[in-house]
Amino acid sequence: MRPLPILVAAALGLAAHSTYAAGDSNAGRNKIYQCQGCHGISGWKTAFPEVYQVPKLGGQNAQYIVAALKQYKSGERDFATMRAIAATLSDQDMEDIAAYYGGKAAGDTPKQQPEPKK
């Protein structure tokens, strides 16, 4: 048996597994209360530190959301509000939120706002 096809198949299997979001979208629905204030309002703009349109998260690639949240948490991305929110999230929280938003269409909003954690 030739080793190259086996190695290629193994590499493809690992790549496919790494693109799968490990999050639970149902759990994510209960963790988005901090996100919805800005990212859940169509056409929302913020004025601090400058005026810009806040991106909607529905339909965004789940792994992109996880990567962005981790970058905010580490300080690699610098936006005070996002950094403060990301600092409170575990890796599983990030995966769950990403799974929730990654499975939604861009214009979707939750039917019912989740209750804040106590």
N, C-alpha and C. Protein backbone atom coordinates (compact mmCIF):
# COMPACT_ATOMS: atom_id res chain seq x y z
N MET A 1 0.85 -1.18 0.00
CA MET A 1 0.00 0.00 0.00
C MET A 1 0.89 1.23 0.00
N ARG A 2 0.48 2.24 -0.73
CA ARG A 2 1.28 3.46 -0.87
C ARG A 2 0.95 4.42 0.26
N PRO A 3 1.96 4.99 0.93
CA PRO A 3 1.72 5.86 2.07
C PRO A 3 1.15 7.23 1.71
N LEU A 4 1.44 7.74 0.52
CA LEU A 4 0.97 9.08 0.16
C LEU A 4 -0.56 9.19 0.18
N PRO A 5 -1.31 8.28 -0.46
CA PRO A 5 -2.78 8.40 -0.39
C PRO A 5 -3.32 8.32 1.04
N ILE A 6 -2.68 7.52 1.87
CA ILE A 6 -3.13 7.41 3.26
C ILE A 6 -2.89 8.72 3.99
N LEU A 7 -1.74 9.33 3.78
CA LEU A 7 -1.43 10.61 4.41
C LEU A 7 -2.37 11.71 3.94
N VAL A 8 -2.65 11.74 2.64
CA VAL A 8 -3.57 12.74 2.10
C VAL A 8 -4.96 12.56 2.70
N ALA A 9 -5.44 11.33 2.77
CA ALA A 9 -6.76 11.06 3.35
C ALA A 9 -6.81 11.48 4.82
N ALA A 10 -5.75 11.19 5.56
CA ALA A 10 -5.70 11.57 6.97
C ALA A 10 -5.70 13.09 7.13
N ALA A 11 -4.93 13.77 6.29
CA ALA A 11 -4.87 15.24 6.36
C ALA A 11 -6.23 15.86 6.04
N LEU A 12 -6.90 15.33 5.03
CA LEU A 12 -8.23 15.84 4.68
C LEU A 12 -9.23 15.59 5.80
N GLY A 13 -9.13 14.45 6.43
CA GLY A 13 -10.02 14.15 7.56
C GLY A 13 -9.80 15.10 8.71
N LEU A 14 -8.56 15.40 9.02
CA LEU A 14 -8.26 16.36 10.09
C LEU A 14 -8.72 17.75 9.73
N ALA A 15 -8.52 18.16 8.49
CA ALA A 15 -8.96 19.49 8.06
C ALA A 15 -10.47 19.61 8.15
N ALA A 16 -11.19 18.60 7.73
CA ALA A 16 -12.65 18.64 7.81
C ALA A 16 -13.11 18.71 9.25
N HIS A 17 -12.46 17.98 10.13
CA HIS A 17 -12.83 18.00 11.55
C HIS A 17 -12.55 19.36 12.17
N SER A 18 -11.47 20.02 11.80
CA SER A 18 -11.11 21.29 12.41
C SER A 18 -12.03 22.43 11.98
N THR A 19 -12.76 22.28 10.86
CA THR A 19 -13.66 23.34 10.43
C THR A 19 -15.04 23.19 11.06
N TYR A 20 -15.30 22.12 11.75
CA TYR A 20 -16.58 21.89 12.39
C TYR A 20 -16.64 22.63 13.72
N ALA A 21 -17.67 23.44 13.91
CA ALA A 21 -17.83 24.16 15.17
C ALA A 21 -18.27 23.18 16.25
N ALA A 22 -17.56 23.17 17.35
CA ALA A 22 -17.88 22.26 18.45
C ALA A 22 -18.96 22.81 19.35
N GLY A 23 -19.55 23.93 18.97
CA GLY A 23 -20.53 24.57 19.82
C GLY A 23 -21.92 23.98 19.70
N ASP A 24 -22.73 24.34 20.66
CA ASP A 24 -24.13 23.92 20.72
C ASP A 24 -24.98 25.16 20.49
N SER A 25 -25.67 25.20 19.36
CA SER A 25 -26.44 26.40 19.03
C SER A 25 -27.58 26.66 20.02
N ASN A 26 -28.16 25.61 20.59
CA ASN A 26 -29.20 25.81 21.59
C ASN A 26 -28.63 26.46 22.85
N ALA A 27 -27.45 26.03 23.25
CA ALA A 27 -26.79 26.67 24.40
C ALA A 27 -26.40 28.10 24.04
N GLY A 28 -25.96 28.30 22.80
CA GLY A 28 -25.57 29.64 22.36
C GLY A 28 -26.70 30.63 22.41
N ARG A 29 -27.91 30.16 22.14
CA ARG A 29 -29.09 31.04 22.18
C ARG A 29 -29.24 31.68 23.57
N ASN A 30 -28.82 30.98 24.59
CA ASN A 30 -28.93 31.50 25.96
C ASN A 30 -27.70 32.29 26.38
N LYS A 31 -26.75 32.48 25.47
CA LYS A 31 -25.52 33.20 25.81
C LYS A 31 -25.33 34.47 25.00
N ILE A 32 -26.31 34.86 24.20
CA ILE A 32 -26.13 36.00 23.31
C ILE A 32 -26.67 37.32 23.86
N TYR A 33 -27.07 37.33 25.10
CA TYR A 33 -27.69 38.54 25.64
C TYR A 33 -26.77 39.76 25.55
N GLN A 34 -25.48 39.59 25.63
CA GLN A 34 -24.56 40.71 25.51
C GLN A 34 -24.34 41.10 24.05
N CYS A 35 -24.58 40.20 23.14
CA CYS A 35 -24.33 40.43 21.71
C CYS A 35 -25.47 41.19 21.04
N GLN A 36 -26.70 40.84 21.42
CA GLN A 36 -27.88 41.34 20.74
C GLN A 36 -28.03 42.86 20.79
N GLY A 37 -27.53 43.49 21.83
CA GLY A 37 -27.68 44.93 21.96
C GLY A 37 -27.09 45.70 20.81
N CYS A 38 -26.03 45.18 20.22
CA CYS A 38 -25.39 45.84 19.07
C CYS A 38 -25.52 45.04 17.79
N HIS A 39 -25.27 43.74 17.87
CA HIS A 39 -25.20 42.92 16.67
C HIS A 39 -26.55 42.38 16.23
N GLY A 40 -27.60 42.66 16.97
CA GLY A 40 -28.92 42.15 16.62
C GLY A 40 -29.87 43.20 16.10
N ILE A 41 -29.38 44.41 15.89
CA ILE A 41 -30.24 45.51 15.45
C ILE A 41 -29.85 45.87 14.03
N SER A 42 -30.77 45.70 13.08
CA SER A 42 -30.48 46.03 11.69
C SER A 42 -30.14 47.50 11.54
N GLY A 43 -29.03 47.77 10.85
CA GLY A 43 -28.63 49.14 10.58
C GLY A 43 -28.03 49.88 11.76
N TRP A 44 -27.74 49.19 12.86
CA TRP A 44 -27.21 49.83 14.06
C TRP A 44 -25.84 50.43 13.79
N LYS A 45 -25.65 51.66 14.26
CA LYS A 45 -24.35 52.32 14.15
C LYS A 45 -23.95 52.74 15.55
N THR A 46 -22.67 52.75 15.78
CA THR A 46 -22.16 53.21 17.06
C THR A 46 -21.33 54.47 16.83
N ALA A 47 -21.20 55.27 17.84
CA ALA A 47 -20.47 56.54 17.69
C ALA A 47 -19.20 56.56 18.52
N PHE A 48 -18.80 55.43 19.07
CA PHE A 48 -17.58 55.43 19.88
C PHE A 48 -16.71 54.26 19.48
N PRO A 49 -15.49 54.42 19.23
CA PRO A 49 -14.72 55.66 19.22
C PRO A 49 -14.93 56.48 17.96
N GLU A 50 -15.57 55.91 16.94
CA GLU A 50 -15.92 56.63 15.73
C GLU A 50 -17.22 56.03 15.21
N VAL A 51 -17.88 56.72 14.30
CA VAL A 51 -19.13 56.21 13.77
C VAL A 51 -18.84 55.09 12.77
N TYR A 52 -19.45 53.95 12.99
CA TYR A 52 -19.34 52.83 12.05
C TYR A 52 -20.54 51.93 12.22
N GLN A 53 -20.83 51.19 11.17
CA GLN A 53 -21.95 50.25 11.22
C GLN A 53 -21.51 48.97 11.90
N VAL A 54 -22.29 48.52 12.86
CA VAL A 54 -22.00 47.29 13.60
C VAL A 54 -22.43 46.11 12.73
N PRO A 55 -21.56 45.12 12.52
CA PRO A 55 -21.93 43.99 11.67
C PRO A 55 -22.97 43.09 12.32
N LYS A 56 -23.88 42.59 11.48
CA LYS A 56 -24.83 41.57 11.93
C LYS A 56 -24.06 40.26 11.98
N LEU A 57 -24.35 39.42 12.95
CA LEU A 57 -23.63 38.17 13.10
C LEU A 57 -24.33 36.97 12.48
N GLY A 58 -25.64 37.06 12.28
CA GLY A 58 -26.38 35.94 11.72
C GLY A 58 -25.83 35.51 10.37
N GLY A 59 -25.52 34.23 10.22
CA GLY A 59 -25.00 33.70 8.97
C GLY A 59 -23.49 33.79 8.83
N GLN A 60 -22.82 34.42 9.79
CA GLN A 60 -21.36 34.52 9.74
C GLN A 60 -20.74 33.15 9.97
N ASN A 61 -19.59 32.91 9.40
CA ASN A 61 -18.87 31.65 9.58
C ASN A 61 -18.56 31.47 11.06
N ALA A 62 -18.94 30.33 11.61
CA ALA A 62 -18.79 30.08 13.04
C ALA A 62 -17.33 30.14 13.49
N GLN A 63 -16.43 29.58 12.70
CA GLN A 63 -15.02 29.59 13.11
C GLN A 63 -14.44 31.00 13.08
N TYR A 64 -14.95 31.84 12.18
CA TYR A 64 -14.53 33.25 12.16
C TYR A 64 -14.94 33.94 13.46
N ILE A 65 -16.17 33.68 13.90
CA ILE A 65 -16.65 34.29 15.14
C ILE A 65 -15.79 33.84 16.32
N VAL A 66 -15.49 32.55 16.41
CA VAL A 66 -14.64 32.04 17.49
C VAL A 66 -13.27 32.71 17.44
N ALA A 67 -12.69 32.76 16.26
CA ALA A 67 -11.35 33.37 16.12
C ALA A 67 -11.37 34.83 16.53
N ALA A 68 -12.40 35.57 16.11
CA ALA A 68 -12.49 36.98 16.47
C ALA A 68 -12.65 37.16 17.98
N LEU A 69 -13.50 36.35 18.60
CA LEU A 69 -13.69 36.47 20.05
C LEU A 69 -12.40 36.16 20.80
N LYS A 70 -11.67 35.16 20.34
CA LYS A 70 -10.39 34.83 20.99
C LYS A 70 -9.38 35.96 20.81
N GLN A 71 -9.41 36.61 19.65
CA GLN A 71 -8.51 37.73 19.41
C GLN A 71 -8.87 38.92 20.29
N TYR A 72 -10.15 39.17 20.49
CA TYR A 72 -10.55 40.24 21.42
C TYR A 72 -10.11 39.90 22.84
N LYS A 73 -10.32 38.66 23.23
CA LYS A 73 -9.96 38.24 24.59
C LYS A 73 -8.47 38.36 24.84
N SER A 74 -7.65 38.03 23.85
CA SER A 74 -6.20 38.09 24.02
C SER A 74 -5.65 39.50 23.86
N GLY A 75 -6.46 40.41 23.33
CA GLY A 75 -5.98 41.77 23.09
C GLY A 75 -5.42 41.96 21.69
N GLU A 76 -5.41 40.89 20.90
CA GLU A 76 -4.91 40.98 19.52
C GLU A 76 -5.79 41.94 18.71
N ARG A 77 -7.09 41.91 18.96
CA ARG A 77 -8.01 42.91 18.41
C ARG A 77 -8.33 43.85 19.55
N ASP A 78 -8.34 45.13 19.26
CA ASP A 78 -8.51 46.10 20.33
C ASP A 78 -9.76 46.95 20.13
N PHE A 79 -10.81 46.57 20.79
CA PHE A 79 -12.03 47.36 20.90
C PHE A 79 -12.53 47.12 22.31
N ALA A 80 -12.54 48.16 23.11
CA ALA A 80 -12.76 48.03 24.55
C ALA A 80 -14.01 47.23 24.91
N THR A 81 -15.12 47.53 24.28
CA THR A 81 -16.37 46.84 24.62
C THR A 81 -16.28 45.35 24.30
N MET A 82 -15.80 45.02 23.10
CA MET A 82 -15.68 43.62 22.72
C MET A 82 -14.64 42.90 23.56
N ARG A 83 -13.58 43.58 23.91
CA ARG A 83 -12.55 42.95 24.74
C ARG A 83 -13.12 42.61 26.12
N ALA A 84 -13.91 43.53 26.68
CA ALA A 84 -14.51 43.29 28.00
C ALA A 84 -15.50 42.13 27.96
N ILE A 85 -16.29 42.07 26.90
CA ILE A 85 -17.26 40.98 26.79
C ILE A 85 -16.54 39.65 26.57
N ALA A 86 -15.59 39.62 25.66
CA ALA A 86 -14.87 38.39 25.36
C ALA A 86 -14.11 37.88 26.58
N ALA A 87 -13.65 38.77 27.42
CA ALA A 87 -12.90 38.37 28.61
C ALA A 87 -13.74 37.50 29.54
N THR A 88 -15.06 37.65 29.47
CA THR A 88 -15.96 36.88 30.35
C THR A 88 -16.35 35.53 29.76
N LEU A 89 -15.97 35.28 28.51
CA LEU A 89 -16.42 34.06 27.82
C LEU A 89 -15.38 32.94 27.90
N SER A 90 -15.87 31.74 28.16
CA SER A 90 -15.01 30.56 28.08
C SER A 90 -14.89 30.16 26.61
N ASP A 91 -13.98 29.25 26.31
CA ASP A 91 -13.87 28.73 24.95
C ASP A 91 -15.18 28.08 24.52
N GLN A 92 -15.85 27.36 25.44
CA GLN A 92 -17.12 26.71 25.11
C GLN A 92 -18.20 27.76 24.84
N ASP A 93 -18.22 28.84 25.63
CA ASP A 93 -19.18 29.91 25.38
C ASP A 93 -19.00 30.46 23.96
N MET A 94 -17.75 30.69 23.57
CA MET A 94 -17.45 31.21 22.23
C MET A 94 -17.94 30.25 21.16
N GLU A 95 -17.69 28.97 21.35
CA GLU A 95 -18.12 27.96 20.38
C GLU A 95 -19.65 27.91 20.29
N ASP A 96 -20.33 28.01 21.42
CA ASP A 96 -21.79 27.96 21.44
C ASP A 96 -22.39 29.19 20.75
N ILE A 97 -21.86 30.36 21.05
CA ILE A 97 -22.34 31.60 20.42
C ILE A 97 -22.10 31.53 18.92
N ALA A 98 -20.93 31.06 18.53
CA ALA A 98 -20.61 30.95 17.10
C ALA A 98 -21.52 29.96 16.40
N ALA A 99 -21.82 28.85 17.06
CA ALA A 99 -22.73 27.86 16.47
C ALA A 99 -24.12 28.45 16.30
N TYR A 100 -24.56 29.24 17.26
CA TYR A 100 -25.87 29.88 17.18
C TYR A 100 -25.92 30.84 15.99
N TYR A 101 -24.99 31.78 15.95
CA TYR A 101 -25.00 32.77 14.88
C TYR A 101 -24.63 32.17 13.53
N GLY A 102 -23.76 31.18 13.50
CA GLY A 102 -23.36 30.55 12.25
C GLY A 102 -24.49 29.80 11.58
N GLY A 103 -25.47 29.39 12.35
CA GLY A 103 -26.59 28.65 11.80
C GLY A 103 -27.79 29.51 11.47
N LYS A 104 -27.66 30.80 11.60
CA LYS A 104 -28.78 31.71 11.35
C LYS A 104 -28.56 32.46 10.05
N ALA A 105 -29.64 32.84 9.40
CA ALA A 105 -29.54 33.70 8.22
C ALA A 105 -29.20 35.11 8.69
N ALA A 106 -28.61 35.89 7.82
CA ALA A 106 -28.11 37.22 8.18
C ALA A 106 -29.18 38.13 8.78
N GLY A 107 -30.42 38.03 8.36
CA GLY A 107 -31.45 38.91 8.87
C GLY A 107 -32.23 38.36 10.06
N ASP A 108 -31.95 37.13 10.45
CA ASP A 108 -32.69 36.51 11.55
C ASP A 108 -32.39 37.18 12.87
N THR A 109 -33.39 37.28 13.69
CA THR A 109 -33.21 37.72 15.07
C THR A 109 -33.93 36.71 15.94
N PRO A 110 -33.52 36.56 17.19
CA PRO A 110 -34.19 35.60 18.05
C PRO A 110 -35.65 35.98 18.27
N LYS A 111 -36.51 35.00 18.36
CA LYS A 111 -37.92 35.27 18.63
C LYS A 111 -38.12 35.77 20.04
N GLN A 112 -37.31 35.31 20.94
CA GLN A 112 -37.43 35.70 22.34
C GLN A 112 -36.03 35.95 22.88
N GLN A 113 -35.86 37.04 23.58
CA GLN A 113 -34.55 37.34 24.15
C GLN A 113 -34.29 36.40 25.31
N PRO A 114 -33.08 35.85 25.39
CA PRO A 114 -32.77 34.98 26.52
C PRO A 114 -32.66 35.78 27.81
N GLU A 115 -32.91 35.12 28.89
CA GLU A 115 -32.78 35.74 30.20
C GLU A 115 -31.30 35.90 30.54
N PRO A 116 -30.90 37.06 31.07
CA PRO A 116 -29.49 37.23 31.48
C PRO A 116 -29.11 36.25 32.59
N LYS A 117 -27.83 35.87 32.60
CA LYS A 117 -27.34 35.00 33.67
C LYS A 117 -27.36 35.77 34.97
N LYS A 118 -27.61 35.06 36.04
CA LYS A 118 -27.63 35.71 37.36
C LYS A 118 -26.44 35.28 38.15
